[in-house]
PDB file of N, CA and C in Angstrom:
ATOM      1  N   MET A   1      83.484  55.346  48.945  1.00  0.00           N
ATOM      2  CA  MET A   1      83.040  54.441  49.995  1.00  0.00           C
ATOM      3  C   MET A   1      84.236  53.789  50.678  1.00  0.00           C
ATOM      4  N   THR A   2      85.426  54.252  50.443  1.00  0.00           N
ATOM      5  CA  THR A   2      86.619  53.626  50.996  1.00  0.00           C
ATOM      6  C   THR A   2      86.715  53.754  52.509  1.00  0.00           C
ATOM      7  N   ASP A   3      86.229  54.859  53.083  1.00  0.00           N
ATOM      8  CA  ASP A   3      86.316  55.007  54.534  1.00  0.00           C
ATOM      9  C   ASP A   3      84.948  54.870  55.203  1.00  0.00           C
ATOM     10  N   GLN A   4      83.957  54.417  54.458  1.00  0.00           N
ATOM     11  CA  GLN A   4      82.620  54.179  54.984  1.00  0.00           C
ATOM     12  C   GLN A   4      82.639  52.963  55.907  1.00  0.00           C
ATOM     13  N   LYS A   5      81.905  53.046  57.011  1.00  0.00           N
ATOM     14  CA  LYS A   5      81.788  51.925  57.946  1.00  0.00           C
ATOM     15  C   LYS A   5      80.322  51.736  58.297  1.00  0.00           C
ATOM     16  N   ILE A   6      79.910  50.489  58.380  1.00  0.00           N
ATOM     17  CA  ILE A   6      78.531  50.167  58.758  1.00  0.00           C
ATOM     18  C   ILE A   6      78.571  49.046  59.790  1.00  0.00           C
ATOM     19  N   MET A   7      77.960  49.278  60.927  1.00  0.00           N
ATOM     20  CA  MET A   7      77.814  48.227  61.932  1.00  0.00           C
ATOM     21  C   MET A   7      76.521  47.487  61.615  1.00  0.00           C
ATOM     22  N   CYS A   8      76.638  46.195  61.350  1.00  0.00           N
ATOM     23  CA  CYS A   8      75.451  45.436  60.968  1.00  0.00           C
ATOM     24  C   CYS A   8      75.328  44.163  61.795  1.00  0.00           C
ATOM     25  N   SER A   9      74.133  43.601  61.738  1.00  0.00           N
ATOM     26  CA  SER A   9      73.856  42.303  62.347  1.00  0.00           C
ATOM     27  C   SER A   9      73.491  41.342  61.229  1.00  0.00           C
ATOM     28  N   VAL A  10      73.921  40.100  61.379  1.00  0.00           N
ATOM     29  CA  VAL A  10      73.652  39.063  60.387  1.00  0.00           C
ATOM     30  C   VAL A  10      72.719  38.035  61.022  1.00  0.00           C
ATOM     31  N   TYR A  11      71.662  37.680  60.284  1.00  0.00           N
ATOM     32  CA  TYR A  11      70.679  36.710  60.759  1.00  0.00           C
ATOM     33  C   TYR A  11      70.529  35.587  59.744  1.00  0.00           C
ATOM     34  N   ARG A  12      70.306  34.385  60.240  1.00  0.00           N
ATOM     35  CA  ARG A  12      70.137  33.184  59.420  1.00  0.00           C
ATOM     36  C   ARG A  12      68.646  32.871  59.292  1.00  0.00           C
ATOM     37  N   SER A  13      68.251  32.396  58.118  1.00  0.00           N
ATOM     38  CA  SER A  13      66.873  31.965  57.902  1.00  0.00           C
ATOM     39  C   SER A  13      66.702  30.525  58.375  1.00  0.00           C
ATOM     40  N   PRO A  14      65.647  30.248  59.154  1.00  0.00           N
ATOM     41  CA  PRO A  14      65.390  28.864  59.554  1.00  0.00           C
ATOM     42  C   PRO A  14      64.716  28.061  58.438  1.00  0.00           C
ATOM     43  N   LYS A  15      64.256  28.747  57.407  1.00  0.00           N
ATOM     44  CA  LYS A  15      63.510  28.083  56.336  1.00  0.00           C
ATOM     45  C   LYS A  15      64.377  27.641  55.165  1.00  0.00           C
ATOM     46  N   LYS A  16      65.521  28.290  54.968  1.00  0.00           N
ATOM     47  CA  LYS A  16      66.353  27.989  53.800  1.00  0.00           C
ATOM     48  C   LYS A  16      67.821  28.026  54.200  1.00  0.00           C
ATOM     49  N   ASP A  17      68.495  26.872  54.114  1.00  0.00           N
ATOM     50  CA  ASP A  17      69.920  26.814  54.433  1.00  0.00           C
ATOM     51  C   ASP A  17      70.700  27.752  53.524  1.00  0.00           C
ATOM     52  N   GLY A  18      71.606  28.497  54.097  1.00  0.00           N
ATOM     53  CA  GLY A  18      72.464  29.384  53.322  1.00  0.00           C
ATOM     54  C   GLY A  18      71.873  30.745  53.045  1.00  0.00           C
ATOM     55  N   MET A  19      70.658  31.021  53.524  1.00  0.00           N
ATOM     56  CA  MET A  19      70.051  32.338  53.332  1.00  0.00           C
ATOM     57  C   MET A  19      70.285  33.174  54.584  1.00  0.00           C
ATOM     58  N   TYR A  20      70.855  34.356  54.379  1.00  0.00           N
ATOM     59  CA  TYR A  20      71.164  35.269  55.476  1.00  0.00           C
ATOM     60  C   TYR A  20      70.683  36.663  55.121  1.00  0.00           C
ATOM     61  N   ILE A  21      70.374  37.447  56.153  1.00  0.00           N
ATOM     62  CA  ILE A  21      70.021  38.839  55.934  1.00  0.00           C
ATOM     63  C   ILE A  21      70.934  39.705  56.788  1.00  0.00           C
ATOM     64  N   TYR A  22      71.499  40.736  56.165  1.00  0.00           N
ATOM     65  CA  TYR A  22      72.362  41.712  56.824  1.00  0.00           C
ATOM     66  C   TYR A  22      71.524  42.967  57.029  1.00  0.00           C
ATOM     67  N   VAL A  23      71.477  43.454  58.258  1.00  0.00           N
ATOM     68  CA  VAL A  23      70.685  44.640  58.584  1.00  0.00           C
ATOM     69  C   VAL A  23      71.502  45.570  59.476  1.00  0.00           C
ATOM     70  N   PRO A  24      71.169  46.878  59.475  1.00  0.00           N
ATOM     71  CA  PRO A  24      71.883  47.784  60.382  1.00  0.00           C
ATOM     72  C   PRO A  24      71.631  47.370  61.831  1.00  0.00           C
ATOM     73  N   LYS A  25      72.668  47.336  62.628  1.00  0.00           N
ATOM     74  CA  LYS A  25      72.536  46.893  64.021  1.00  0.00           C
ATOM     75  C   LYS A  25      71.579  47.781  64.815  1.00  0.00           C
ATOM     76  N   GLN A  26      71.605  49.088  64.575  1.00  0.00           N
ATOM     77  CA  GLN A  26      70.805  50.008  65.382  1.00  0.00           C
ATOM     78  C   GLN A  26      69.316  49.979  65.035  1.00  0.00           C
ATOM     79  N   GLU A  27      68.942  49.513  63.850  1.00  0.00           N
ATOM     80  CA  GLU A  27      67.528  49.421  63.465  1.00  0.00           C
ATOM     81  C   GLU A  27      67.317  48.173  62.600  1.00  0.00           C
ATOM     82  N   PRO A  28      67.412  46.998  63.202  1.00  0.00           N
ATOM     83  CA  PRO A  28      67.530  45.747  62.466  1.00  0.00           C
ATOM     84  C   PRO A  28      66.509  45.481  61.362  1.00  0.00           C
ATOM     85  N   PHE A  29      65.242  45.480  61.649  1.00  0.00           N
ATOM     86  CA  PHE A  29      64.272  45.047  60.641  1.00  0.00           C
ATOM     87  C   PHE A  29      63.309  46.157  60.246  1.00  0.00           C
ATOM     88  N   GLU A  30      63.680  47.386  60.534  1.00  0.00           N
ATOM     89  CA  GLU A  30      62.828  48.536  60.269  1.00  0.00           C
ATOM     90  C   GLU A  30      62.458  48.666  58.791  1.00  0.00           C
ATOM     91  N   ASN A  31      63.387  48.365  57.881  1.00  0.00           N
ATOM     92  CA  ASN A  31      63.154  48.566  56.450  1.00  0.00           C
ATOM     93  C   ASN A  31      62.981  47.273  55.660  1.00  0.00           C
ATOM     94  N   VAL A  32      62.882  46.150  56.349  1.00  0.00           N
ATOM     95  CA  VAL A  32      62.713  44.869  55.661  1.00  0.00           C
ATOM     96  C   VAL A  32      61.218  44.653  55.407  1.00  0.00           C
ATOM     97  N   PRO A  33      60.831  44.432  54.141  1.00  0.00           N
ATOM     98  CA  PRO A  33      59.407  44.234  53.836  1.00  0.00           C
ATOM     99  C   PRO A  33      58.817  43.038  54.586  1.00  0.00           C
ATOM    100  N   GLU A  34      57.574  43.178  54.994  1.00  0.00           N
ATOM    101  CA  GLU A  34      56.886  42.125  55.750  1.00  0.00           C
ATOM    102  C   GLU A  34      56.818  40.824  54.952  1.00  0.00           C
ATOM    103  N   THR A  35      56.596  40.922  53.653  1.00  0.00           N
ATOM    104  CA  THR A  35      56.524  39.705  52.828  1.00  0.00           C
ATOM    105  C   THR A  35      57.856  38.959  52.827  1.00  0.00           C
ATOM    106  N   LEU A  36      58.961  39.697  52.830  1.00  0.00           N
ATOM    107  CA  LEU A  36      60.280  39.064  52.896  1.00  0.00           C
ATOM    108  C   LEU A  36      60.463  38.381  54.247  1.00  0.00           C
ATOM    109  N   MET A  37      60.043  39.037  55.317  1.00  0.00           N
ATOM    110  CA  MET A  37      60.180  38.447  56.651  1.00  0.00           C
ATOM    111  C   MET A  37      59.347  37.168  56.774  1.00  0.00           C
ATOM    112  N   GLN A  38      58.182  37.126  56.146  1.00  0.00           N
ATOM    113  CA  GLN A  38      57.358  35.914  56.181  1.00  0.00           C
ATOM    114  C   GLN A  38      58.052  34.776  55.443  1.00  0.00           C
ATOM    115  N   THR A  39      58.659  35.081  54.307  1.00  0.00           N
ATOM    116  CA  THR A  39      59.387  34.073  53.535  1.00  0.00           C
ATOM    117  C   THR A  39      60.647  33.639  54.260  1.00  0.00           C
ATOM    118  N   PHE A  40      61.338  34.591  54.885  1.00  0.00           N
ATOM    119  CA  PHE A  40      62.605  34.348  55.573  1.00  0.00           C
ATOM    120  C   PHE A  40      62.406  33.501  56.825  1.00  0.00           C
ATOM    121  N   GLY A  41      61.309  33.751  57.541  1.00  0.00           N
ATOM    122  CA  GLY A  41      61.051  33.051  58.800  1.00  0.00           C
ATOM    123  C   GLY A  41      61.602  33.834  59.982  1.00  0.00           C
ATOM    124  N   THR A  42      61.490  33.270  61.171  1.00  0.00           N
ATOM    125  CA  THR A  42      61.992  33.926  62.377  1.00  0.00           C
ATOM    126  C   THR A  42      63.515  33.941  62.338  1.00  0.00           C
ATOM    127  N   PRO A  43      64.113  35.136  62.255  1.00  0.00           N
ATOM    128  CA  PRO A  43      65.568  35.228  62.100  1.00  0.00           C
ATOM    129  C   PRO A  43      66.323  34.719  63.324  1.00  0.00           C
ATOM    130  N   GLY A  44      67.425  34.039  63.066  1.00  0.00           N
ATOM    131  CA  GLY A  44      68.326  33.597  64.124  1.00  0.00           C
ATOM    132  C   GLY A  44      69.607  34.409  64.057  1.00  0.00           C
ATOM    133  N   HIS A  45      69.918  35.134  65.127  1.00  0.00           N
ATOM    134  CA  HIS A  45      71.107  35.996  65.136  1.00  0.00           C
ATOM    135  C   HIS A  45      72.372  35.153  65.021  1.00  0.00           C
ATOM    136  N   VAL A  46      73.236  35.534  64.083  1.00  0.00           N
ATOM    137  CA  VAL A  46      74.495  34.827  63.866  1.00  0.00           C
ATOM    138  C   VAL A  46      75.653  35.614  64.452  1.00  0.00           C
ATOM    139  N   MET A  47      75.752  36.901  64.077  1.00  0.00           N
ATOM    140  CA  MET A  47      76.859  37.733  64.556  1.00  0.00           C
ATOM    141  C   MET A  47      76.625  39.190  64.196  1.00  0.00           C
ATOM    142  N   ASP A  48      77.425  40.042  64.809  1.00  0.00           N
ATOM    143  CA  ASP A  48      77.485  41.457  64.463  1.00  0.00           C
ATOM    144  C   ASP A  48      78.828  41.706  63.791  1.00  0.00           C
ATOM    145  N   LEU A  49      78.820  42.563  62.763  1.00  0.00           N
ATOM    146  CA  LEU A  49      80.038  42.851  61.998  1.00  0.00           C
ATOM    147  C   LEU A  49      80.185  44.340  61.759  1.00  0.00           C
ATOM    148  N   LEU A  50      81.421  44.808  61.741  1.00  0.00           N
ATOM    149  CA  LEU A  50      81.723  46.153  61.273  1.00  0.00           C
ATOM    150  C   LEU A  50      82.151  46.004  59.824  1.00  0.00           C
ATOM    151  N   LEU A  51      81.313  46.502  58.909  1.00  0.00           N
ATOM    152  CA  LEU A  51      81.619  46.405  57.484  1.00  0.00           C
ATOM    153  C   LEU A  51      82.436  47.602  57.035  1.00  0.00           C
ATOM    154  N   THR A  52      83.508  47.336  56.313  1.00  0.00           N
ATOM    155  CA  THR A  52      84.326  48.357  55.664  1.00  0.00           C
ATOM    156  C   THR A  52      84.612  47.854  54.253  1.00  0.00           C
ATOM    157  N   ALA A  53      84.943  48.756  53.350  1.00  0.00           N
ATOM    158  CA  ALA A  53      85.167  48.397  51.947  1.00  0.00           C
ATOM    159  C   ALA A  53      86.289  47.385  51.768  1.00  0.00           C
ATOM    160  N   ASP A  54      87.246  47.345  52.693  1.00  0.00           N
ATOM    161  CA  ASP A  54      88.377  46.422  52.532  1.00  0.00           C
ATOM    162  C   ASP A  54      88.189  45.098  53.283  1.00  0.00           C
ATOM    163  N   ARG A  55      87.021  44.903  53.897  1.00  0.00           N
ATOM    164  CA  ARG A  55      86.748  43.652  54.611  1.00  0.00           C
ATOM    165  C   ARG A  55      86.386  42.557  53.605  1.00  0.00           C
ATOM    166  N   THR A  56      86.794  41.340  53.893  1.00  0.00           N
ATOM    167  CA  THR A  56      86.451  40.201  53.046  1.00  0.00           C
ATOM    168  C   THR A  56      85.363  39.381  53.724  1.00  0.00           C
ATOM    169  N   LEU A  57      84.318  39.069  52.966  1.00  0.00           N
ATOM    170  CA  LEU A  57      83.256  38.193  53.447  1.00  0.00           C
ATOM    171  C   LEU A  57      83.331  36.877  52.676  1.00  0.00           C
ATOM    172  N   ALA A  58      82.817  35.816  53.257  1.00  0.00           N
ATOM    173  CA  ALA A  58      82.985  34.474  52.685  1.00  0.00           C
ATOM    174  C   ALA A  58      82.346  34.305  51.310  1.00  0.00           C
ATOM    175  N   ARG A  59      81.082  34.699  51.151  1.00  0.00           N
ATOM    176  CA  ARG A  59      80.383  34.380  49.907  1.00  0.00           C
ATOM    177  C   ARG A  59      79.833  35.575  49.149  1.00  0.00           C
ATOM    178  N   VAL A  60      79.974  36.761  49.696  1.00  0.00           N
ATOM    179  CA  VAL A  60      79.436  37.944  49.017  1.00  0.00           C
ATOM    180  C   VAL A  60      80.455  39.068  49.032  1.00  0.00           C
ATOM    181  N   ASP A  61      80.285  39.985  48.095  1.00  0.00           N
ATOM    182  CA  ASP A  61      81.138  41.164  48.006  1.00  0.00           C
ATOM    183  C   ASP A  61      80.677  42.176  49.057  1.00  0.00           C
ATOM    184  N   VAL A  62      81.573  42.573  49.917  1.00  0.00           N
ATOM    185  CA  VAL A  62      81.223  43.488  51.008  1.00  0.00           C
ATOM    186  C   VAL A  62      80.639  44.798  50.475  1.00  0.00           C
ATOM    187  N   LYS A  63      81.079  45.248  49.312  1.00  0.00           N
ATOM    188  CA  LYS A  63      80.555  46.499  48.747  1.00  0.00           C
ATOM    189  C   LYS A  63      79.093  46.350  48.347  1.00  0.00           C
ATOM    190  N   GLN A  64      78.697  45.166  47.882  1.00  0.00           N
ATOM    191  CA  GLN A  64      77.288  44.916  47.566  1.00  0.00           C
ATOM    192  C   GLN A  64      76.449  44.909  48.839  1.00  0.00           C
ATOM    193  N   VAL A  65      76.977  44.317  49.893  1.00  0.00           N
ATOM    194  CA  VAL A  65      76.269  44.285  51.175  1.00  0.00           C
ATOM    195  C   VAL A  65      76.088  45.704  51.701  1.00  0.00           C
ATOM    196  N   MET A  66      77.153  46.484  51.685  1.00  0.00           N
ATOM    197  CA  MET A  66      77.086  47.862  52.179  1.00  0.00           C
ATOM    198  C   MET A  66      76.108  48.692  51.355  1.00  0.00           C
ATOM    199  N   SER A  67      76.137  48.521  50.046  1.00  0.00           N
ATOM    200  CA  SER A  67      75.229  49.247  49.164  1.00  0.00           C
ATOM    201  C   SER A  67      73.778  48.865  49.443  1.00  0.00           C
ATOM    202  N   GLY A  68      73.518  47.580  49.624  1.00  0.00           N
ATOM    203  CA  GLY A  68      72.166  47.127  49.937  1.00  0.00           C
ATOM    204  C   GLY A  68      71.652  47.706  51.241  1.00  0.00           C
ATOM    205  N   ILE A  69      72.499  47.723  52.254  1.00  0.00           N
ATOM    206  CA  ILE A  69      72.098  48.282  53.551  1.00  0.00           C
ATOM    207  C   ILE A  69      71.846  49.783  53.425  1.00  0.00           C
ATOM    208  N   GLN A  70      72.723  50.489  52.724  1.00  0.00           N
ATOM    209  CA  GLN A  70      72.561  51.936  52.571  1.00  0.00           C
ATOM    210  C   GLN A  70      71.327  52.295  51.746  1.00  0.00           C
ATOM    211  N   ASN A  71      71.073  51.548  50.671  1.00  0.00           N
ATOM    212  CA  ASN A  71      69.982  51.896  49.757  1.00  0.00           C
ATOM    213  C   ASN A  71      68.632  51.300  50.140  1.00  0.00           C
ATOM    214  N   ASN A  72      68.633  50.106  50.731  1.00  0.00           N
ATOM    215  CA  ASN A  72      67.381  49.411  51.017  1.00  0.00           C
ATOM    216  C   ASN A  72      67.121  49.187  52.499  1.00  0.00           C
ATOM    217  N   GLY A  73      68.159  49.312  53.319  1.00  0.00           N
ATOM    218  CA  GLY A  73      68.009  49.035  54.744  1.00  0.00           C
ATOM    219  C   GLY A  73      68.306  47.591  55.097  1.00  0.00           C
ATOM    220  N   TYR A  74      68.689  46.778  54.097  1.00  0.00           N
ATOM    221  CA  TYR A  74      69.048  45.379  54.333  1.00  0.00           C
ATOM    222  C   TYR A  74      69.744  44.827  53.092  1.00  0.00           C
ATOM    223  N   TYR A  75      70.416  43.679  53.275  1.00  0.00           N
ATOM    224  CA  TYR A  75      70.974  42.935  52.144  1.00  0.00           C
ATOM    225  C   TYR A  75      70.622  41.475  52.360  1.00  0.00           C
ATOM    226  N   LEU A  76      70.010  40.857  51.365  1.00  0.00           N
ATOM    227  CA  LEU A  76      69.623  39.455  51.449  1.00  0.00           C
ATOM    228  C   LEU A  76      70.643  38.608  50.703  1.00  0.00           C
ATOM    229  N   GLN A  77      71.292  37.704  51.422  1.00  0.00           N
ATOM    230  CA  GLN A  77      72.250  36.772  50.821  1.00  0.00           C
ATOM    231  C   GLN A  77      71.518  35.470  50.537  1.00  0.00           C
ATOM    232  N   MET A  78      71.446  35.130  49.265  1.00  0.00           N
ATOM    233  CA  MET A  78      70.765  33.909  48.844  1.00  0.00           C
ATOM    234  C   MET A  78      71.697  32.710  48.990  1.00  0.00           C
ATOM    235  N   PRO A  79      71.122  31.513  49.131  1.00  0.00           N
ATOM    236  CA  PRO A  79      71.959  30.310  49.225  1.00  0.00           C
ATOM    237  C   PRO A  79      72.709  30.078  47.916  1.00  0.00           C
ATOM    238  N   PRO A  80      73.847  29.406  47.987  1.00  0.00           N
ATOM    239  CA  PRO A  80      74.562  29.086  46.747  1.00  0.00           C
ATOM    240  C   PRO A  80      73.736  28.099  45.926  1.00  0.00           C
ATOM    241  N   HIS A  81      73.918  28.154  44.615  1.00  0.00           N
ATOM    242  CA  HIS A  81      73.207  27.221  43.734  1.00  0.00           C
ATOM    243  C   HIS A  81      73.737  25.813  43.953  1.00  0.00           C
ATOM    244  N   GLU A  82      72.822  24.880  44.041  1.00  0.00           N
ATOM    245  CA  GLU A  82      73.219  23.484  44.215  1.00  0.00           C
ATOM    246  C   GLU A  82      73.442  22.862  42.843  1.00  0.00           C
ATOM    247  N   THR A  83      74.537  22.133  42.701  1.00  0.00           N
ATOM    248  CA  THR A  83      74.824  21.439  41.454  1.00  0.00           C
ATOM    249  C   THR A  83      74.207  20.049  41.516  1.00  0.00           C
ATOM    250  N   GLN A  84      73.404  19.726  40.519  1.00  0.00           N
ATOM    251  CA  GLN A  84      72.784  18.404  40.468  1.00  0.00           C
ATOM    252  C   GLN A  84      73.468  17.573  39.398  1.00  0.00           C
ATOM    253  N   PHE A  85      73.764  16.330  39.728  1.00  0.00           N
ATOM    254  CA  PHE A  85      74.433  15.430  38.783  1.00  0.00           C
ATOM    255  C   PHE A  85      73.450  14.424  38.248  1.00  0.00           C
TER     256      PHE A  85
END
């Protein structure tokens, strides 16, 4: 997967801070289950990215994102766990 490239779009969930979905740019929500879309809410476009194995993403491993898109048609990034004191 070293020379693999995926053009994707990133969308933010209006229902849960820190939840994002990465989908292929050319067919954004074709493979995302309807139940997930209902939970996610109306997606807000954040940006388009060219994913490569050597790219660094802020909170997730790019290889996991690429694998999710290739195998499932999307990758769901969950919000970080909140620490309660």
